[in-house]
């Protein structure tokens, strides 16, 4: 809110989006390190890692997802 008050909503929203993106990347790197993953070999491994990440970062019941 400090950025919004000083610079307006457009700047505040842009900075918030940039920060959230950077924090998400850091969180995924930490998760992959903890899982011992150095790279994704195929779509099934990608799906497995994504399911773990979604379960941790967006737990049910706040966020529901399914893959087809």
Protein backbone atom coordinates (compact mmCIF):
# COMPACT_ATOMS: atom_id res chain seq x y z
CA UNK A 1 0.00 0.00 0.00
CA UNK A 2 2.93 2.32 0.54
CA UNK A 3 3.76 2.21 -3.18
CA UNK A 4 0.11 2.76 -4.09
CA UNK A 5 -0.11 5.77 -1.78
CA UNK A 6 3.11 7.28 -3.10
CA UNK A 7 3.03 6.30 -6.79
CA UNK A 8 -0.56 5.27 -7.59
CA UNK A 9 -2.37 2.02 -8.35
CA UNK A 10 -0.72 1.35 -11.72
CA UNK A 11 2.79 1.38 -10.26
CA UNK A 12 1.71 -0.54 -7.15
CA UNK A 13 0.06 -3.28 -9.20
CA UNK A 14 3.00 -3.58 -11.59
CA UNK A 15 5.50 -3.87 -8.73
CA UNK A 16 3.31 -6.38 -6.90
CA UNK A 17 3.11 -8.55 -10.02
CA UNK A 18 6.89 -8.39 -10.53
CA UNK A 19 7.54 -9.30 -6.89
CA UNK A 20 5.05 -12.19 -6.92
CA UNK A 21 6.66 -13.59 -10.09
CA UNK A 22 10.15 -13.43 -8.61
CA UNK A 23 9.02 -14.95 -5.31
CA UNK A 24 7.29 -17.77 -7.19
CA UNK A 25 10.46 -18.59 -9.08
CA UNK A 26 12.48 -18.67 -5.86
CA UNK A 27 9.88 -20.88 -4.16
CA UNK A 28 9.91 -23.36 -7.09
CA UNK A 29 13.70 -23.48 -7.09
CA UNK A 30 13.66 -24.27 -3.36
CA UNK A 31 11.01 -26.97 -3.86
CA UNK A 32 12.91 -28.57 -6.72
CA UNK A 33 16.09 -28.53 -4.66
CA UNK A 34 14.29 -30.22 -1.75
CA UNK A 35 12.86 -32.83 -4.13
CA UNK A 36 16.31 -33.43 -5.63
CA UNK A 37 15.11 -32.39 -9.09
CA UNK A 38 17.67 -30.73 -11.35
CA UNK A 39 15.57 -30.77 -14.51
CA UNK A 40 12.30 -32.09 -15.83
CA UNK A 41 12.72 -35.13 -18.07
CA UNK A 42 9.19 -35.51 -19.44
CA UNK A 43 5.61 -34.32 -19.14
CA UNK A 44 4.78 -36.89 -16.44
CA UNK A 45 7.58 -35.65 -14.22
CA UNK A 46 6.49 -32.07 -14.87
CA UNK A 47 2.93 -32.97 -13.85
CA UNK A 48 4.14 -34.70 -10.68
CA UNK A 49 6.23 -31.69 -9.62
CA UNK A 50 3.38 -29.32 -10.47
CA UNK A 51 0.93 -31.36 -8.38
CA UNK A 52 3.29 -31.19 -5.40
CA UNK A 53 3.81 -27.45 -5.86
CA UNK A 54 0.09 -26.71 -6.20
CA UNK A 55 -0.67 -28.80 -3.11
CA UNK A 56 1.91 -26.86 -1.09
CA UNK A 57 1.45 -23.35 -2.40
CA UNK A 58 -2.32 -23.46 -3.02
CA UNK A 59 -3.77 -25.99 -0.55
CA UNK A 60 -7.30 -27.31 -0.70
CA UNK A 61 -9.98 -26.06 -0.04
CA UNK A 62 -8.75 -22.64 -1.13
CA UNK A 63 -7.70 -23.91 -4.52
CA UNK A 64 -8.96 -26.98 -6.34
CA UNK A 65 -7.35 -28.36 -9.50
CA UNK A 66 -7.33 -31.43 -11.69
CA UNK A 67 -5.36 -32.51 -14.74
CA UNK A 68 -6.75 -34.21 -17.81
